[in-house]
Amino acid sequence: MELNHLNSLRTIPSAEELQKMTQYDIVDTLQMELSVVFLILNTFAKATMSTPFMDNVNGQPGQGMINNHNNIGPEHRPSKSSESWGYHGHDGPYSWPTHTAACGGFHQSPINIQSSLVIPTGTGSIQMIGFDKEAKVELKNNGHSVYVNIRHDTMTIQNGGLDAPYQVVQFHFHWGSNDTRGSEHTLNGRAFPMEMHVVLYKQMYGRLSNAILQPGGVAVLGTFFEISSQDNGNYSELLDKIEDIRYPKDKANFTLKSLASLLPSFDNYYRYHGSLTTPPCSETVIWTVSTEKIYISEKQMEKFRKVVSSEKDWSGRDLLLVDNYRPVQSLYGRSITSNTAVTPEY
């Protein structure tokens, strides 16, 4: 095993950090280190698939096992993809710190939002500028998610406790293979079928690649999804286009009538400081998660679950793009705030 894998392991917490850690944080730290050791020892273990796969002959879902991220043994792992990271098997989230050191940091995302511990701050509502305007967008399957790149340089947010305007770059989704999981953040331990992230950068830095290097340089708006008996008409156009990007690297251009119509108001929200939820896991993100949910039907949810991942099983079969979420990370003494008093849910 190359030394650089060992060198990228998370360093031992300082005395100050240990004082802030709960018993659960300490246990999580030990579990992370043990999981990395286990991963290294099993690098060459024989594996099979852990995610639904696509039948290469007729394009229908196969009979692969569902991956729940919590029970991935060496006997249920897909092959390494062409990407350096993934959501399943040897490339899964517990391997990320071995090749991206920041992913083993102490300010990582996502987290469980425990509403009983949230501190009200009265920072006010977030002002969304240009979100109600049409925008030229590019819809893309990047192998890890469904991405929508925004070509509209006047779509920004401000206020709501933010010290400067932030400009929208893209939004994307994380979803599960069933309705009991899929969101990256959880609320009082409960996961949702899907979560949407709108990614923005602080305008003063000029571009996302610059902002990602600066504390607070990136902002992400997170929204949970629930299942409804009725279709959500605001999502009809986007979901029709998703059928055109079923396979990795597929793209489709269209005009988004209004980003605002896809989002809740963000009048009430949770706030904390964290990271990107995928490598490079940069710890420069201000997270804002709405207390309001978006509702779509089961039929609409299934359109996401038909998208194909860039990951493959050991026989080369395509895997469905499902369960593309990172497990929740420990707080390590961080605070979660809200702009208003919140009522505990669930």
Protein backbone atom coordinates (compact mmCIF):
# COMPACT_ATOMS: atom_id res chain seq x y z
CA MET A 1 0.00 0.00 0.00
CA GLU A 2 1.41 3.41 -0.98
CA LEU A 3 2.33 5.75 1.86
CA ASN A 4 0.27 8.61 0.53
CA HIS A 5 -2.88 6.66 1.43
CA LEU A 6 -1.75 6.46 5.05
CA ASN A 7 -0.58 10.05 5.19
CA SER A 8 -4.01 11.32 4.18
CA LEU A 9 -5.73 9.84 7.23
CA ARG A 10 -7.32 12.34 9.60
CA THR A 11 -4.92 13.69 12.21
CA ILE A 12 -5.40 13.17 15.96
CA PRO A 13 -7.70 15.87 17.43
CA SER A 14 -6.11 18.59 19.53
CA ALA A 15 -6.86 18.95 23.24
CA GLU A 16 -9.19 21.85 22.48
CA GLU A 17 -11.06 19.83 19.85
CA LEU A 18 -11.36 16.86 22.22
CA GLN A 19 -13.00 19.07 24.83
CA LYS A 20 -15.70 20.01 22.32
CA MET A 21 -16.31 16.42 21.25
CA THR A 22 -19.20 14.40 22.62
CA GLN A 23 -18.92 10.69 23.26
CA TYR A 24 -20.70 10.15 19.95
CA ASP A 25 -18.15 12.29 18.08
CA ILE A 26 -15.30 10.28 19.60
CA VAL A 27 -16.93 7.00 18.65
CA ASP A 28 -17.51 8.32 15.13
CA THR A 29 -13.84 9.28 14.85
CA LEU A 30 -12.73 5.80 15.86
CA GLN A 31 -15.22 4.22 13.47
CA MET A 32 -13.91 6.35 10.60
CA GLU A 33 -10.30 5.37 11.25
CA LEU A 34 -11.20 1.70 11.62
CA SER A 35 -13.27 1.82 8.43
CA VAL A 36 -10.28 3.20 6.51
CA VAL A 37 -8.02 0.45 7.87
CA PHE A 38 -10.65 -2.11 6.93
CA LEU A 39 -10.85 -0.61 3.44
CA ILE A 40 -7.07 -0.85 2.95
CA LEU A 41 -6.96 -4.47 4.13
CA ASN A 42 -9.77 -5.38 1.74
CA THR A 43 -8.60 -3.47 -1.33
CA PHE A 44 -8.11 -6.69 -3.30
CA ALA A 45 -11.08 -8.56 -1.85
CA LYS A 46 -13.40 -10.26 -4.26
CA ALA A 47 -16.58 -8.24 -4.75
CA THR A 48 -19.97 -8.29 -6.39
CA MET A 49 -22.55 -5.57 -6.93
CA SER A 50 -24.29 -3.62 -4.15
CA THR A 51 -26.55 -1.41 -6.22
CA PRO A 52 -29.36 -2.02 -8.73
CA PHE A 53 -27.81 -2.61 -12.15
CA MET A 54 -29.02 -2.17 -15.69
CA ASP A 55 -29.52 -5.12 -17.99
CA ASN A 56 -27.22 -4.24 -20.92
CA VAL A 57 -29.50 -6.09 -23.32
CA ASN A 58 -32.86 -4.47 -22.68
CA GLY A 59 -32.00 -1.50 -20.44
CA GLN A 60 -34.27 -2.69 -17.62
CA PRO A 61 -33.37 -2.78 -13.94
CA GLY A 62 -31.59 -5.98 -12.95
CA GLN A 63 -31.76 -7.83 -9.67
CA GLY A 64 -28.75 -6.31 -7.92
CA MET A 65 -28.73 -5.69 -4.17
CA ILE A 66 -29.64 -2.26 -2.81
CA ASN A 67 -26.79 -0.38 -1.14
CA ASN A 68 -27.71 1.33 2.11
CA HIS A 69 -24.17 2.64 2.85
CA ASN A 70 -24.32 1.05 6.28
CA ASN A 71 -23.70 -2.58 5.40
CA ILE A 72 -21.14 -2.81 2.60
CA GLY A 73 -19.10 -5.94 3.02
CA PRO A 74 -16.33 -7.01 0.65
CA GLU A 75 -18.68 -9.56 -0.88
CA HIS A 76 -21.11 -6.83 -2.02
CA ARG A 77 -18.98 -4.25 -3.79
CA PRO A 78 -18.95 -2.93 -7.36
CA SER A 79 -15.76 -2.44 -9.29
CA LYS A 80 -13.75 0.76 -9.19
CA SER A 81 -15.10 3.28 -11.66
CA SER A 82 -13.08 5.53 -13.93
CA GLU A 83 -13.73 8.31 -11.39
CA SER A 84 -11.55 8.58 -8.29
CA TRP A 85 -14.61 8.51 -6.03
CA GLY A 86 -18.12 7.13 -5.97
CA TYR A 87 -20.97 6.22 -3.66
CA HIS A 88 -20.59 2.45 -3.55
CA GLY A 89 -17.99 -0.17 -2.71
CA HIS A 90 -14.27 0.60 -2.70
CA ASP A 91 -14.92 4.08 -4.09
CA GLY A 92 -17.62 4.85 -1.50
CA PRO A 93 -17.70 7.68 1.05
CA TYR A 94 -15.64 5.87 3.70
CA SER A 95 -12.74 5.68 1.24
CA TRP A 96 -12.74 9.38 0.36
CA PRO A 97 -10.31 10.48 3.12
CA THR A 98 -7.67 8.08 1.75
CA HIS A 99 -7.27 10.13 -1.44
CA THR A 100 -8.78 13.50 -0.41
CA ALA A 101 -7.56 14.43 3.08
CA ALA A 102 -10.13 17.19 3.61
CA CYS A 103 -12.91 14.57 3.53
CA GLY A 104 -11.63 13.42 6.93
CA GLY A 105 -11.90 16.89 8.46
CA PHE A 106 -13.87 18.12 11.46
CA HIS A 107 -16.26 20.49 9.65
CA GLN A 108 -17.77 18.07 7.16
CA SER A 109 -21.23 17.86 5.60
CA PRO A 110 -23.93 16.61 5.58
CA ILE A 111 -25.09 16.48 9.20
CA ASN A 112 -28.12 15.44 11.20
CA ILE A 113 -30.10 18.55 12.14
CA GLN A 114 -31.37 17.98 15.67
CA SER A 115 -34.09 20.61 16.01
CA SER A 116 -34.01 20.54 19.82
CA LEU A 117 -30.39 21.80 19.69
CA VAL A 118 -30.96 24.57 17.13
CA ILE A 119 -30.21 28.13 18.31
CA PRO A 120 -32.58 30.88 17.01
CA THR A 121 -30.69 33.97 15.81
CA GLY A 122 -33.27 36.17 14.08
CA THR A 123 -31.16 36.77 10.98
CA GLY A 124 -34.19 37.31 8.75
CA SER A 125 -35.21 35.97 5.34
CA ILE A 126 -32.90 35.38 2.39
CA GLN A 127 -33.51 37.72 -0.54
CA MET A 128 -33.47 35.92 -3.89
CA ILE A 129 -32.72 38.15 -6.87
CA GLY A 130 -33.42 37.02 -10.43
CA PHE A 131 -34.75 33.62 -9.36
CA ASP A 132 -38.10 34.43 -11.00
CA LYS A 133 -36.49 35.11 -14.41
CA GLU A 134 -36.00 32.75 -17.34
CA ALA A 135 -32.51 31.31 -17.64
CA LYS A 136 -30.62 29.31 -20.25
CA VAL A 137 -29.45 26.13 -18.55
CA GLU A 138 -27.56 22.95 -19.35
CA LEU A 139 -28.89 19.73 -17.85
CA LYS A 140 -26.21 17.06 -17.43
CA ASN A 141 -25.74 13.54 -16.10
CA ASN A 142 -22.22 13.71 -14.67
CA GLY A 143 -22.34 10.09 -13.47
CA HIS A 144 -22.86 11.11 -9.83
CA SER A 145 -26.00 13.26 -10.06
CA VAL A 146 -28.36 15.21 -12.27
CA TYR A 147 -26.78 18.67 -12.60
CA VAL A 148 -28.32 21.87 -13.95
CA ASN A 149 -25.69 24.49 -14.84
CA ILE A 150 -27.06 28.05 -14.75
CA ARG A 151 -26.09 30.51 -17.49
CA HIS A 152 -27.47 33.59 -15.76
CA ASP A 153 -24.98 35.89 -14.04
CA THR A 154 -27.62 38.02 -12.27
CA MET A 155 -29.20 35.24 -10.20
CA THR A 156 -28.04 35.96 -6.64
CA ILE A 157 -28.96 35.78 -2.96
CA GLN A 158 -28.24 38.23 -0.15
CA ASN A 159 -29.23 39.11 3.43
CA GLY A 160 -30.40 36.35 5.76
CA GLY A 161 -27.20 36.61 7.77
CA LEU A 162 -24.93 36.53 4.69
CA ASP A 163 -22.25 39.23 4.61
CA ALA A 164 -22.19 39.63 0.81
CA PRO A 165 -24.09 38.62 -2.35
CA TYR A 166 -23.66 35.06 -3.64
CA GLN A 167 -24.17 34.07 -7.29
CA VAL A 168 -25.88 30.88 -8.46
CA VAL A 169 -23.71 28.41 -10.39
CA GLN A 170 -25.73 25.21 -10.53
CA PHE A 171 -28.18 22.98 -8.74
CA HIS A 172 -28.29 19.21 -8.43
CA PHE A 173 -30.04 16.38 -6.60
CA HIS A 174 -29.33 13.46 -4.26
CA TRP A 175 -31.90 10.66 -4.05
CA GLY A 176 -32.47 7.14 -2.79
CA SER A 177 -33.45 3.80 -4.26
CA ASN A 178 -36.62 4.01 -2.16
CA ASP A 179 -38.55 6.65 -0.22
CA THR A 180 -36.92 5.92 3.15
CA ARG A 181 -33.55 7.42 2.17
CA GLY A 182 -31.86 9.67 -0.36
CA SER A 183 -31.36 13.06 1.29
CA GLU A 184 -27.89 13.93 2.49
CA HIS A 185 -28.92 15.90 5.55
CA THR A 186 -31.32 14.30 7.99
CA LEU A 187 -33.79 16.00 10.34
CA ASN A 188 -33.94 14.52 13.83
CA GLY A 189 -32.54 11.31 12.39
CA ARG A 190 -35.04 11.08 9.55
CA ALA A 191 -33.93 10.92 5.91
CA PHE A 192 -36.07 12.11 3.00
CA PRO A 193 -36.44 10.59 -0.51
CA MET A 194 -34.46 13.41 -2.15
CA GLU A 195 -32.57 16.63 -1.47
CA MET A 196 -31.84 19.49 -3.85
CA HIS A 197 -28.72 21.66 -3.55
CA VAL A 198 -28.38 25.10 -5.14
CA VAL A 199 -24.67 25.98 -5.24
CA LEU A 200 -23.52 29.62 -5.13
CA TYR A 201 -20.22 31.45 -4.74
CA LYS A 202 -19.43 34.81 -3.13
CA GLN A 203 -19.42 37.30 -6.01
CA MET A 204 -16.32 39.16 -4.82
CA TYR A 205 -14.20 36.11 -5.70
CA GLY A 206 -15.22 36.13 -9.37
CA ARG A 207 -15.70 32.40 -9.86
CA LEU A 208 -16.44 29.20 -7.95
CA SER A 209 -12.90 27.83 -8.28
CA ASN A 210 -11.56 30.89 -6.43
CA ALA A 211 -14.35 31.05 -3.86
CA ILE A 212 -14.00 27.41 -2.85
CA LEU A 213 -10.58 28.22 -1.39
CA GLN A 214 -11.90 30.98 0.89
CA PRO A 215 -13.72 30.59 4.25
CA GLY A 216 -17.40 31.18 3.58
CA GLY A 217 -16.68 31.49 -0.12
CA VAL A 218 -19.42 29.03 -1.08
CA ALA A 219 -23.09 28.93 -0.06
CA VAL A 220 -25.48 26.04 -0.64
CA LEU A 221 -29.27 26.12 -0.32
CA GLY A 222 -30.66 22.70 0.64
CA THR A 223 -34.26 21.54 0.24
CA PHE A 224 -35.86 18.27 1.35
CA PHE A 225 -38.42 16.48 -0.84
CA GLU A 226 -41.50 14.57 0.28
CA ILE A 227 -43.75 12.24 -1.73
CA SER A 228 -47.24 13.43 -2.63
CA SER A 229 -50.21 11.77 -4.31
CA GLN A 230 -50.20 14.58 -6.90
CA ASP A 231 -47.65 15.54 -9.55
CA ASN A 232 -45.79 18.81 -9.01
CA GLY A 233 -46.41 20.78 -12.19
CA ASN A 234 -43.43 23.05 -11.55
CA TYR A 235 -41.14 20.06 -12.09
CA SER A 236 -42.80 18.67 -15.23
CA GLU A 237 -40.48 20.37 -17.74
CA LEU A 238 -37.30 19.43 -15.87
CA LEU A 239 -38.39 15.83 -15.42
CA ASP A 240 -39.25 15.50 -19.11
CA LYS A 241 -35.71 16.64 -19.92
CA ILE A 242 -34.17 14.13 -17.49
CA GLU A 243 -35.24 11.38 -19.87
CA ASP A 244 -32.78 12.90 -22.39
CA ILE A 245 -29.79 12.58 -20.03
CA ARG A 246 -30.24 9.05 -18.82
CA TYR A 247 -26.63 8.02 -19.38
CA PRO A 248 -23.38 9.54 -18.04
CA LYS A 249 -22.09 12.58 -19.99
CA ASP A 250 -25.49 13.08 -21.67
CA LYS A 251 -26.46 16.76 -21.90
CA ALA A 252 -29.56 18.74 -22.81
CA ASN A 253 -30.05 22.50 -23.15
CA PHE A 254 -33.32 24.21 -22.37
CA THR A 255 -34.80 27.39 -20.92
CA LEU A 256 -35.69 27.20 -17.24
CA LYS A 257 -38.77 29.35 -16.73
CA SER A 258 -38.09 30.06 -13.08
CA LEU A 259 -35.72 28.64 -10.47
CA ALA A 260 -37.98 30.15 -7.81
CA SER A 261 -40.79 27.79 -8.84
CA LEU A 262 -38.59 24.79 -7.96
CA LEU A 263 -37.74 26.06 -4.47
CA PRO A 264 -39.43 26.88 -1.18
CA SER A 265 -39.35 30.46 0.07
CA PHE A 266 -36.42 30.10 2.51
CA ASP A 267 -38.27 32.41 4.90
CA ASN A 268 -37.37 29.89 7.62
CA TYR A 269 -34.18 27.87 7.56
CA TYR A 270 -31.38 26.09 9.42
CA ARG A 271 -27.80 27.39 9.11
CA TYR A 272 -24.38 25.93 9.87
CA HIS A 273 -20.80 25.97 8.54
CA GLY A 274 -19.65 22.84 6.74
CA SER A 275 -18.21 21.44 3.54
CA LEU A 276 -18.94 20.21 0.06
CA THR A 277 -20.57 16.77 0.37
CA THR A 278 -18.39 15.30 -2.39
CA PRO A 279 -14.62 15.38 -2.94
CA PRO A 280 -12.73 17.69 -2.54
CA CYS A 281 -14.93 18.15 0.60
CA SER A 282 -13.72 21.75 0.99
CA GLU A 283 -14.71 23.14 4.41
CA THR A 284 -15.64 26.59 3.09
CA VAL A 285 -19.43 26.25 2.77
CA ILE A 286 -22.22 28.16 4.49
CA TRP A 287 -25.16 25.75 4.53
CA THR A 288 -28.78 26.95 4.56
CA VAL A 289 -31.42 24.20 4.74
CA SER A 290 -35.06 25.22 4.36
CA THR A 291 -37.60 24.12 6.96
CA GLU A 292 -40.16 23.98 4.13
CA LYS A 293 -40.35 20.86 1.92
CA ILE A 294 -41.05 20.40 -1.80
CA TYR A 295 -43.57 17.73 -2.81
CA ILE A 296 -43.46 15.53 -5.91
CA SER A 297 -45.31 12.35 -6.84
CA GLU A 298 -43.94 8.82 -6.73
CA LYS A 299 -44.13 8.71 -10.52
CA GLN A 300 -41.98 11.83 -10.76
CA MET A 301 -39.52 10.43 -8.21
CA GLU A 302 -39.10 7.28 -10.31
CA LYS A 303 -37.77 9.35 -13.22
CA PHE A 304 -34.69 10.17 -11.16
CA ARG A 305 -34.25 6.49 -10.29
CA LYS A 306 -34.02 5.51 -13.97
CA VAL A 307 -30.87 7.58 -14.52
CA VAL A 308 -27.68 5.53 -15.00
CA SER A 309 -24.52 5.96 -12.90
CA SER A 310 -20.91 6.13 -14.07
CA GLU A 311 -20.15 3.29 -11.62
CA LYS A 312 -20.29 -0.30 -12.85
CA ASP A 313 -20.33 -3.72 -11.26
CA TRP A 314 -17.49 -6.22 -11.64
CA SER A 315 -18.98 -7.70 -14.79
CA GLY A 316 -19.14 -4.28 -16.46
CA ARG A 317 -22.88 -3.80 -16.15
CA ASP A 318 -24.19 -0.27 -15.67
CA LEU A 319 -25.48 0.62 -12.21
CA LEU A 320 -28.54 2.75 -11.67
CA LEU A 321 -27.79 6.16 -10.19
CA VAL A 322 -29.47 5.77 -6.79
CA ASP A 323 -28.40 6.25 -3.17
CA ASN A 324 -26.01 9.02 -4.26
CA TYR A 325 -25.77 10.51 -0.80
CA ARG A 326 -22.97 10.81 1.73
CA PRO A 327 -23.69 9.56 5.28
CA VAL A 328 -24.13 12.26 7.91
CA GLN A 329 -20.96 13.54 9.57
CA SER A 330 -20.37 14.47 13.22
CA LEU A 331 -20.74 18.08 14.37
CA TYR A 332 -17.53 18.20 16.43
CA GLY A 333 -18.75 21.16 18.47
CA ARG A 334 -20.32 23.15 15.62
CA SER A 335 -23.53 25.10 16.21
CA ILE A 336 -26.70 24.87 14.14
CA THR A 337 -28.78 28.05 14.06
CA SER A 338 -32.13 29.10 12.63
CA ASN A 339 -33.48 32.50 11.68
CA THR A 340 -36.66 31.88 13.71
CA ALA A 341 -37.74 29.55 16.48
CA VAL A 342 -38.45 26.13 14.97
CA THR A 343 -40.96 23.52 16.03
CA PRO A 344 -39.33 20.10 16.56
CA GLU A 345 -40.39 17.62 13.86
CA TYR A 346 -40.62 13.85 13.83
